[in-house]
Amino acid sequence: ILSRQCAVVRSQSLIINLPGQPKAIAETLEGLKGAGGEEIVPGIFAAVPYCIDLIGGPYLESNPGVCSVFRPKSALRPDS
């Protein structure tokens, strides 16, 4: 698989380069799903909230039924 996807931080902005085809964009952001809809490979969207947190943005949460956010244990906040 040939892939040129990358992400960079410029000042306090997260810039994500995505592929040109809609199907490839969906697979990059959402990850690959199995026949039953289960996640086989996580997409990069799961890491975006943590990346925003690292560059000084807000602490973002998501609906786990839609996308589980990736964060290392040291970056997790207790449930309120």
N, C-alpha and C. Protein backbone atom coordinates (compact mmCIF):
# COMPACT_ATOMS: atom_id res chain seq x y z
N ILE A 1 0.86 -1.17 0.00
CA ILE A 1 0.00 0.00 0.00
C ILE A 1 0.90 1.23 0.00
N LEU A 2 0.63 2.13 -0.90
CA LEU A 2 1.36 3.38 -0.97
C LEU A 2 0.57 4.43 -0.21
N SER A 3 1.20 5.10 0.71
CA SER A 3 0.48 6.06 1.54
C SER A 3 1.32 7.30 1.73
N ARG A 4 0.70 8.46 1.57
CA ARG A 4 1.40 9.72 1.79
C ARG A 4 0.73 10.55 2.87
N GLN A 5 -0.15 9.97 3.65
CA GLN A 5 -0.84 10.72 4.68
C GLN A 5 0.15 11.14 5.75
N CYS A 6 0.02 12.39 6.16
CA CYS A 6 0.86 12.89 7.25
C CYS A 6 0.09 13.99 7.96
N ALA A 7 0.57 14.33 9.13
CA ALA A 7 -0.02 15.42 9.89
C ALA A 7 1.12 16.23 10.49
N VAL A 8 0.90 17.53 10.60
CA VAL A 8 1.91 18.41 11.17
C VAL A 8 1.23 19.42 12.09
N VAL A 9 2.04 20.01 12.94
CA VAL A 9 1.57 21.10 13.79
C VAL A 9 2.28 22.36 13.33
N ARG A 10 1.50 23.39 13.08
CA ARG A 10 2.07 24.70 12.72
C ARG A 10 1.45 25.72 13.66
N SER A 11 2.27 26.36 14.45
CA SER A 11 1.81 27.24 15.53
C SER A 11 0.92 26.40 16.44
N GLN A 12 -0.35 26.75 16.53
CA GLN A 12 -1.28 25.95 17.34
C GLN A 12 -2.36 25.33 16.46
N SER A 13 -1.98 24.96 15.24
CA SER A 13 -2.93 24.33 14.31
C SER A 13 -2.46 22.92 13.97
N LEU A 14 -3.40 22.00 13.94
CA LEU A 14 -3.14 20.63 13.50
C LEU A 14 -3.57 20.53 12.05
N ILE A 15 -2.64 20.20 11.17
CA ILE A 15 -2.92 20.09 9.74
C ILE A 15 -2.78 18.63 9.36
N ILE A 16 -3.86 18.05 8.82
CA ILE A 16 -3.87 16.64 8.43
C ILE A 16 -4.04 16.55 6.93
N ASN A 17 -3.11 15.89 6.26
CA ASN A 17 -3.18 15.67 4.83
C ASN A 17 -3.96 14.38 4.59
N LEU A 18 -5.02 14.47 3.79
CA LEU A 18 -5.87 13.31 3.52
C LEU A 18 -5.74 12.89 2.06
N PRO A 19 -6.08 11.64 1.75
CA PRO A 19 -6.04 11.19 0.35
C PRO A 19 -7.09 11.91 -0.49
N GLY A 20 -7.03 11.71 -1.79
CA GLY A 20 -7.92 12.43 -2.70
C GLY A 20 -9.26 11.76 -2.96
N GLN A 21 -9.40 10.48 -2.70
CA GLN A 21 -10.65 9.77 -2.99
C GLN A 21 -11.53 9.67 -1.74
N PRO A 22 -12.85 9.90 -1.88
CA PRO A 22 -13.74 9.85 -0.72
C PRO A 22 -13.66 8.54 0.07
N LYS A 23 -13.57 7.40 -0.61
CA LYS A 23 -13.49 6.12 0.09
C LYS A 23 -12.20 6.04 0.91
N ALA A 24 -11.11 6.50 0.33
CA ALA A 24 -9.82 6.48 1.03
C ALA A 24 -9.82 7.44 2.22
N ILE A 25 -10.50 8.58 2.09
CA ILE A 25 -10.61 9.52 3.20
C ILE A 25 -11.36 8.86 4.35
N ALA A 26 -12.49 8.22 4.05
CA ALA A 26 -13.28 7.54 5.08
C ALA A 26 -12.46 6.46 5.77
N GLU A 27 -11.73 5.66 5.01
CA GLU A 27 -10.91 4.60 5.60
C GLU A 27 -9.79 5.17 6.47
N THR A 28 -9.21 6.28 6.05
CA THR A 28 -8.14 6.90 6.82
C THR A 28 -8.66 7.45 8.14
N LEU A 29 -9.80 8.14 8.10
CA LEU A 29 -10.35 8.75 9.31
C LEU A 29 -11.01 7.72 10.22
N GLU A 30 -11.81 6.82 9.65
CA GLU A 30 -12.61 5.88 10.45
C GLU A 30 -11.88 4.57 10.73
N GLY A 31 -10.92 4.21 9.93
CA GLY A 31 -10.26 2.92 10.05
C GLY A 31 -10.95 1.89 9.17
N LEU A 32 -10.47 0.69 9.21
CA LEU A 32 -11.05 -0.38 8.41
C LEU A 32 -12.02 -1.20 9.26
N LYS A 33 -13.18 -1.48 8.70
CA LYS A 33 -14.22 -2.24 9.40
C LYS A 33 -14.34 -3.62 8.79
N GLY A 34 -14.68 -4.59 9.62
CA GLY A 34 -14.92 -5.95 9.16
C GLY A 34 -16.32 -6.07 8.59
N ALA A 35 -16.68 -7.26 8.13
CA ALA A 35 -17.99 -7.50 7.53
C ALA A 35 -19.12 -7.22 8.52
N GLY A 36 -18.88 -7.47 9.80
CA GLY A 36 -19.89 -7.23 10.82
C GLY A 36 -19.88 -5.81 11.37
N GLY A 37 -19.03 -4.95 10.82
CA GLY A 37 -18.95 -3.57 11.29
C GLY A 37 -17.95 -3.36 12.42
N GLU A 38 -17.27 -4.43 12.84
CA GLU A 38 -16.29 -4.29 13.92
C GLU A 38 -15.01 -3.64 13.38
N GLU A 39 -14.35 -2.90 14.24
CA GLU A 39 -13.13 -2.20 13.85
C GLU A 39 -11.97 -3.18 13.76
N ILE A 40 -11.34 -3.23 12.60
CA ILE A 40 -10.17 -4.08 12.39
C ILE A 40 -8.89 -3.26 12.61
N VAL A 41 -8.85 -2.09 12.00
CA VAL A 41 -7.72 -1.17 12.13
C VAL A 41 -8.28 0.19 12.50
N PRO A 42 -7.83 0.78 13.61
CA PRO A 42 -8.37 2.09 13.98
C PRO A 42 -7.92 3.18 13.01
N GLY A 43 -8.77 4.16 12.81
CA GLY A 43 -8.44 5.28 11.95
C GLY A 43 -7.74 6.38 12.73
N ILE A 44 -7.25 7.37 12.00
CA ILE A 44 -6.52 8.45 12.67
C ILE A 44 -7.43 9.39 13.44
N PHE A 45 -8.74 9.39 13.15
CA PHE A 45 -9.64 10.30 13.85
C PHE A 45 -9.61 10.06 15.36
N ALA A 46 -9.35 8.83 15.77
CA ALA A 46 -9.30 8.51 17.20
C ALA A 46 -8.20 9.28 17.93
N ALA A 47 -7.14 9.65 17.23
CA ALA A 47 -6.01 10.35 17.86
C ALA A 47 -6.14 11.87 17.80
N VAL A 48 -7.05 12.40 16.99
CA VAL A 48 -7.16 13.85 16.81
C VAL A 48 -7.46 14.59 18.12
N PRO A 49 -8.41 14.15 18.95
CA PRO A 49 -8.65 14.89 20.20
C PRO A 49 -7.41 14.99 21.10
N TYR A 50 -6.62 13.93 21.17
CA TYR A 50 -5.40 13.98 21.98
C TYR A 50 -4.38 14.92 21.36
N CYS A 51 -4.26 14.91 20.03
CA CYS A 51 -3.35 15.83 19.35
C CYS A 51 -3.73 17.28 19.64
N ILE A 52 -5.02 17.58 19.59
CA ILE A 52 -5.48 18.94 19.88
C ILE A 52 -5.16 19.31 21.32
N ASP A 53 -5.33 18.36 22.23
CA ASP A 53 -4.99 18.58 23.63
C ASP A 53 -3.49 18.90 23.78
N LEU A 54 -2.64 18.19 23.06
CA LEU A 54 -1.20 18.39 23.15
C LEU A 54 -0.75 19.77 22.67
N ILE A 55 -1.47 20.34 21.71
CA ILE A 55 -1.06 21.66 21.19
C ILE A 55 -1.76 22.80 21.92
N GLY A 56 -2.40 22.49 23.05
CA GLY A 56 -2.98 23.54 23.87
C GLY A 56 -4.45 23.79 23.65
N GLY A 57 -5.11 22.93 22.89
CA GLY A 57 -6.54 23.08 22.65
C GLY A 57 -7.35 22.48 23.78
N PRO A 58 -8.67 22.45 23.63
CA PRO A 58 -9.53 21.91 24.68
C PRO A 58 -9.43 20.39 24.77
N TYR A 59 -9.84 19.86 25.92
CA TYR A 59 -9.92 18.41 26.12
C TYR A 59 -11.21 17.94 25.48
N LEU A 60 -11.11 17.22 24.37
CA LEU A 60 -12.28 16.77 23.63
C LEU A 60 -12.62 15.33 23.97
N GLU A 61 -13.91 15.06 24.05
CA GLU A 61 -14.40 13.70 24.26
C GLU A 61 -15.29 13.34 23.08
N SER A 62 -15.55 12.05 22.92
CA SER A 62 -16.42 11.62 21.83
C SER A 62 -17.42 10.60 22.34
N ASN A 63 -18.36 10.29 21.50
CA ASN A 63 -19.32 9.23 21.78
C ASN A 63 -18.61 7.91 21.46
N PRO A 64 -18.33 7.06 22.45
CA PRO A 64 -17.59 5.82 22.19
C PRO A 64 -18.27 4.90 21.18
N GLY A 65 -19.58 5.04 21.01
CA GLY A 65 -20.28 4.24 20.02
C GLY A 65 -19.95 4.65 18.60
N VAL A 66 -19.47 5.87 18.44
CA VAL A 66 -19.10 6.39 17.12
C VAL A 66 -17.60 6.27 16.91
N CYS A 67 -16.83 6.76 17.87
CA CYS A 67 -15.38 6.72 17.77
C CYS A 67 -14.78 6.76 19.17
N SER A 68 -13.97 5.78 19.50
CA SER A 68 -13.28 5.78 20.79
C SER A 68 -12.01 6.61 20.66
N VAL A 69 -11.84 7.57 21.54
CA VAL A 69 -10.67 8.44 21.50
C VAL A 69 -9.47 7.72 22.07
N PHE A 70 -8.33 7.83 21.38
CA PHE A 70 -7.08 7.27 21.89
C PHE A 70 -6.39 8.31 22.75
N ARG A 71 -6.03 7.93 23.95
CA ARG A 71 -5.18 8.74 24.82
C ARG A 71 -4.35 7.78 25.68
N PRO A 72 -3.08 8.13 25.95
CA PRO A 72 -2.33 7.31 26.89
C PRO A 72 -2.94 7.45 28.29
N LYS A 73 -2.72 6.48 29.13
CA LYS A 73 -3.31 6.50 30.48
C LYS A 73 -2.98 7.77 31.23
N SER A 74 -1.79 8.31 31.03
CA SER A 74 -1.37 9.52 31.75
C SER A 74 -2.16 10.75 31.33
N ALA A 75 -2.83 10.70 30.17
CA ALA A 75 -3.57 11.87 29.68
C ALA A 75 -5.07 11.76 29.93
N LEU A 76 -5.53 10.64 30.51
CA LEU A 76 -6.96 10.47 30.77
C LEU A 76 -7.40 11.29 31.97
N ARG A 77 -8.58 11.86 31.89
CA ARG A 77 -9.17 12.58 33.02
C ARG A 77 -10.23 11.69 33.64
N PRO A 78 -10.40 11.79 34.96
CA PRO A 78 -11.45 10.97 35.59
C PRO A 78 -12.83 11.40 35.10
N ASP A 79 -13.74 10.44 35.04
CA ASP A 79 -15.12 10.75 34.64
C ASP A 79 -15.73 11.69 35.65
N SER A 80 -16.49 12.67 35.12
CA SER A 80 -17.13 13.61 36.04
C SER A 80 -18.57 13.27 36.25
